[in-house]
Amino acid sequence: MAEIPDDIFTEQDADPNTLARLGPLTRLAGIWASQGPRGADVNPKAEGPEHRIFSERFEAHPIDAQSNGPQLFYGLRYHTHINAPEEDATFHDQTGYWLYEPDTRLILQTVSIPRGQVALAKGFAAPDATSFKLTATRGSTENGICSTSFLEQAFRTDSYSIEVTFNPDGSWSYVTETMLAVHGQEGIFNHKDQNTLFKVGGPNPNPLALIVGQGPV
């Protein structure tokens, strides 16, 4: 944990153009899609692991800088929507924020899914990093996981990680691993998802950038 300064109230001057200060997260900004149902998911079922493929649309747009006193974050608000080819109903829906603190190179991802679960994953990366990894752990007050009582008892999430890689062709790939203790099953199950996303649209400027007349970099 970083040392807390004596003055916890005075805020930094923020850059109005969030896209100019996102570090490695700059390359996530925009609208992205998989090229057909090429994502891969492995999830637990009563009869054993289930393997499914999926298509995905991911949007990430900049927000105005956010301060915790002297701590200053630049970020993206994101939404990912996933469908499996064999059904019309949504396979997975997730919202949250990607945040970057230039002073410390801290990266955070907030994860919120509509089944009663949230997480805060943490990692560090240089501004020009071509890959990075974030982790969250059950029980942590810094990068933790919170679930409904049913999920805690039936599909307890012990840890979550996401590894992002920026590819030479401009696409980016991710691998998530969610380690689950499934009620009635021995051992820990690795619920794994991976996909590669290609840009189909640019990001919207953050509100303050529009006001001061600064568009995307």
Protein backbone atom coordinates (compact mmCIF):
# COMPACT_ATOMS: atom_id res chain seq x y z
CA MET A 1 0.00 0.00 0.00
CA ALA A 2 1.33 3.45 -0.94
CA GLU A 3 2.15 5.90 1.84
CA ILE A 4 -0.72 8.29 2.54
CA PRO A 5 0.24 12.00 2.38
CA ASP A 6 -0.56 14.36 5.24
CA ASP A 7 -2.78 16.40 2.91
CA ILE A 8 -5.52 14.04 1.74
CA PHE A 9 -7.82 16.76 0.39
CA THR A 10 -5.91 18.87 -2.16
CA GLU A 11 -6.56 17.63 -5.70
CA GLN A 12 -4.21 17.67 -8.69
CA ASP A 13 -4.90 19.72 -11.79
CA ALA A 14 -6.44 17.29 -14.28
CA ASP A 15 -5.92 17.16 -18.03
CA PRO A 16 -9.31 17.81 -19.68
CA ASN A 17 -8.47 15.33 -22.46
CA THR A 18 -8.70 11.91 -20.85
CA LEU A 19 -7.52 10.08 -23.98
CA ALA A 20 -4.15 11.82 -23.69
CA ARG A 21 -3.52 10.44 -20.18
CA LEU A 22 -4.76 6.86 -20.23
CA GLY A 23 -1.35 5.20 -20.62
CA PRO A 24 -1.74 1.65 -21.93
CA LEU A 25 -5.52 1.90 -21.67
CA THR A 26 -5.55 4.32 -24.62
CA ARG A 27 -5.45 1.29 -26.91
CA LEU A 28 -8.68 -0.07 -25.36
CA ALA A 29 -10.70 3.04 -26.18
CA GLY A 30 -13.33 2.61 -28.87
CA ILE A 31 -15.82 0.06 -30.13
CA TRP A 32 -14.62 -3.49 -30.71
CA ALA A 33 -16.05 -6.80 -31.93
CA SER A 34 -14.90 -10.35 -32.40
CA GLN A 35 -14.75 -11.68 -35.96
CA GLY A 36 -17.63 -14.10 -35.62
CA PRO A 37 -18.14 -16.58 -32.78
CA ARG A 38 -14.46 -17.17 -32.01
CA GLY A 39 -14.36 -16.46 -28.29
CA ALA A 40 -13.85 -19.51 -26.09
CA ASP A 41 -15.48 -20.21 -22.73
CA VAL A 42 -15.00 -23.11 -20.33
CA ASN A 43 -17.55 -23.20 -17.50
CA PRO A 44 -18.61 -25.72 -14.84
CA LYS A 45 -21.65 -27.97 -15.23
CA ALA A 46 -22.96 -30.92 -13.19
CA GLU A 47 -21.72 -33.39 -15.80
CA GLY A 48 -18.31 -31.71 -16.17
CA PRO A 49 -16.69 -28.77 -17.98
CA GLU A 50 -18.71 -27.20 -20.80
CA HIS A 51 -16.88 -25.65 -23.78
CA ARG A 52 -18.68 -22.93 -25.73
CA ILE A 53 -17.82 -20.38 -28.38
CA PHE A 54 -19.20 -16.85 -28.46
CA SER A 55 -19.25 -13.51 -30.27
CA GLU A 56 -18.63 -10.27 -28.43
CA ARG A 57 -19.10 -6.50 -28.71
CA PHE A 58 -17.05 -4.29 -26.40
CA GLU A 59 -17.34 -0.52 -25.99
CA ALA A 60 -15.01 1.68 -23.93
CA HIS A 61 -15.42 5.47 -23.84
CA PRO A 62 -13.42 7.98 -21.79
CA ILE A 63 -14.79 9.68 -18.70
CA ASP A 64 -13.63 12.90 -17.07
CA ALA A 65 -10.71 12.56 -14.66
CA GLN A 66 -11.65 11.36 -11.17
CA SER A 67 -9.92 12.42 -7.95
CA ASN A 68 -9.60 10.89 -4.50
CA GLY A 69 -7.97 13.99 -3.05
CA PRO A 70 -4.41 13.88 -4.47
CA GLN A 71 -5.01 10.52 -6.19
CA LEU A 72 -5.96 11.12 -9.83
CA PHE A 73 -7.46 8.55 -12.20
CA TYR A 74 -8.14 8.74 -15.92
CA GLY A 75 -10.56 6.12 -17.14
CA LEU A 76 -12.86 4.39 -19.58
CA ARG A 77 -16.45 3.34 -18.94
CA TYR A 78 -16.93 -0.03 -20.61
CA HIS A 79 -19.68 -2.46 -21.53
CA THR A 80 -19.23 -5.92 -23.01
CA HIS A 81 -22.09 -7.94 -24.46
CA ILE A 82 -21.60 -11.60 -25.40
CA ASN A 83 -23.80 -14.02 -27.31
CA ALA A 84 -23.47 -17.72 -28.09
CA PRO A 85 -24.48 -18.74 -31.64
CA GLU A 86 -26.95 -21.43 -30.54
CA GLU A 87 -29.23 -19.13 -28.50
CA ASP A 88 -30.76 -15.67 -28.71
CA ALA A 89 -30.54 -14.83 -25.01
CA THR A 90 -27.52 -12.89 -23.76
CA PHE A 91 -24.72 -15.24 -22.74
CA HIS A 92 -22.83 -12.66 -20.68
CA ASP A 93 -23.25 -8.96 -19.89
CA GLN A 94 -20.71 -6.88 -17.97
CA THR A 95 -20.12 -3.23 -17.18
CA GLY A 96 -17.54 -1.26 -15.27
CA TYR A 97 -14.52 1.03 -15.53
CA TRP A 98 -10.91 0.73 -16.59
CA LEU A 99 -8.84 3.25 -14.57
CA TYR A 100 -5.22 4.42 -14.86
CA GLU A 101 -3.20 6.44 -12.32
CA PRO A 102 -0.26 8.01 -14.22
CA ASP A 103 1.68 8.85 -11.02
CA THR A 104 1.96 5.20 -9.94
CA ARG A 105 1.12 3.32 -13.19
CA LEU A 106 -1.69 1.58 -11.31
CA ILE A 107 -4.40 0.00 -13.46
CA LEU A 108 -7.81 -0.97 -12.05
CA GLN A 109 -10.73 -2.79 -13.62
CA THR A 110 -14.10 -2.74 -11.93
CA VAL A 111 -16.29 -5.71 -12.86
CA SER A 112 -20.06 -5.76 -12.41
CA ILE A 113 -22.23 -8.60 -13.69
CA PRO A 114 -26.03 -8.85 -13.27
CA ARG A 115 -25.94 -12.01 -11.22
CA GLY A 116 -25.05 -10.29 -7.97
CA GLN A 117 -21.28 -10.07 -8.23
CA VAL A 118 -18.69 -7.29 -8.38
CA ALA A 119 -14.90 -7.24 -8.32
CA LEU A 120 -11.99 -4.80 -8.31
CA ALA A 121 -8.91 -6.10 -10.13
CA LYS A 122 -5.50 -4.46 -9.79
CA GLY A 123 -2.18 -4.38 -11.65
CA PHE A 124 0.59 -2.07 -12.86
CA ALA A 125 1.89 -1.22 -16.33
CA ALA A 126 4.08 1.34 -18.08
CA PRO A 127 2.36 3.78 -20.46
CA ASP A 128 3.78 1.95 -23.50
CA ALA A 129 3.14 -1.58 -22.23
CA THR A 130 2.01 -4.09 -24.85
CA SER A 131 0.50 -6.39 -22.21
CA PHE A 132 -0.55 -6.33 -18.58
CA LYS A 133 -2.31 -8.51 -16.01
CA LEU A 134 -4.74 -7.60 -13.24
CA THR A 135 -5.90 -9.75 -10.33
CA ALA A 136 -8.62 -9.79 -7.67
CA THR A 137 -8.81 -12.07 -4.63
CA ARG A 138 -11.69 -13.06 -2.40
CA GLY A 139 -11.34 -11.46 1.03
CA SER A 140 -9.09 -8.58 -0.05
CA THR A 141 -10.18 -5.05 0.83
CA GLU A 142 -7.91 -3.59 -1.88
CA ASN A 143 -8.61 -5.79 -4.90
CA GLY A 144 -11.47 -7.98 -3.79
CA ILE A 145 -14.58 -9.85 -4.90
CA CYS A 146 -18.11 -9.55 -3.51
CA SER A 147 -20.92 -12.02 -4.33
CA THR A 148 -24.44 -12.93 -3.30
CA SER A 149 -24.81 -15.52 -0.54
CA PHE A 150 -25.95 -18.09 -3.14
CA LEU A 151 -22.87 -17.61 -5.32
CA GLU A 152 -20.66 -17.61 -2.24
CA GLN A 153 -21.99 -21.03 -1.25
CA ALA A 154 -22.60 -22.65 -4.65
CA PHE A 155 -19.93 -21.13 -6.92
CA ARG A 156 -17.47 -19.43 -4.59
CA THR A 157 -15.06 -17.19 -6.50
CA ASP A 158 -11.61 -17.39 -4.91
CA SER A 159 -9.78 -15.27 -7.48
CA TYR A 160 -10.11 -13.51 -10.82
CA SER A 161 -7.46 -12.42 -13.30
CA ILE A 162 -7.43 -10.78 -16.70
CA GLU A 163 -4.41 -10.61 -19.00
CA VAL A 164 -4.60 -8.16 -21.90
CA THR A 165 -2.29 -8.27 -24.93
CA PHE A 166 -2.15 -5.63 -27.68
CA ASN A 167 -1.45 -7.25 -31.04
CA PRO A 168 0.65 -5.82 -33.92
CA ASP A 169 -2.39 -5.68 -36.23
CA GLY A 170 -4.22 -3.26 -33.88
CA SER A 171 -6.48 -5.87 -32.30
CA TRP A 172 -6.26 -6.87 -28.66
CA SER A 173 -6.73 -10.17 -26.88
CA TYR A 174 -7.66 -11.12 -23.36
CA VAL A 175 -7.64 -14.20 -21.18
CA THR A 176 -9.68 -14.25 -17.97
CA GLU A 177 -9.37 -16.96 -15.34
CA THR A 178 -11.92 -17.18 -12.54
CA MET A 179 -11.08 -19.80 -9.93
CA LEU A 180 -14.27 -21.35 -8.53
CA ALA A 181 -15.06 -23.68 -5.65
CA VAL A 182 -18.18 -25.44 -6.96
CA HIS A 183 -20.52 -26.97 -4.36
CA GLY A 184 -20.44 -30.77 -4.51
CA GLN A 185 -17.35 -30.93 -6.74
CA GLU A 186 -13.79 -31.58 -5.66
CA GLY A 187 -10.95 -29.15 -6.25
CA ILE A 188 -10.96 -25.71 -7.83
CA PHE A 189 -12.46 -25.10 -11.28
CA ASN A 190 -10.77 -22.68 -13.69
CA HIS A 191 -13.58 -20.84 -15.47
CA LYS A 192 -11.64 -19.51 -18.45
CA ASP A 193 -12.62 -17.09 -21.22
CA GLN A 194 -10.54 -15.74 -24.08
CA ASN A 195 -11.12 -13.72 -27.22
CA THR A 196 -9.52 -11.34 -29.73
CA LEU A 197 -11.33 -8.09 -30.55
CA PHE A 198 -11.01 -5.86 -33.62
CA LYS A 199 -11.81 -2.16 -33.77
CA VAL A 200 -15.05 -1.22 -35.52
CA GLY A 201 -15.47 2.36 -34.22
CA GLY A 202 -13.71 5.16 -32.39
CA PRO A 203 -14.30 6.39 -28.83
CA ASN A 204 -16.45 9.34 -27.86
CA PRO A 205 -14.50 12.22 -26.24
CA ASN A 206 -15.02 12.66 -22.51
CA PRO A 207 -17.49 15.45 -21.60
CA LEU A 208 -14.87 18.00 -20.48
CA ALA A 209 -12.80 17.45 -23.63
CA LEU A 210 -15.85 18.39 -25.69
CA ILE A 211 -16.46 21.52 -23.62
CA VAL A 212 -12.89 22.80 -24.05
CA GLY A 213 -12.78 21.80 -27.69
CA GLN A 214 -10.37 18.88 -27.49
CA GLY A 215 -11.26 15.74 -29.40
CA PRO A 216 -9.63 12.29 -29.48
CA VAL A 217 -5.85 12.18 -29.83
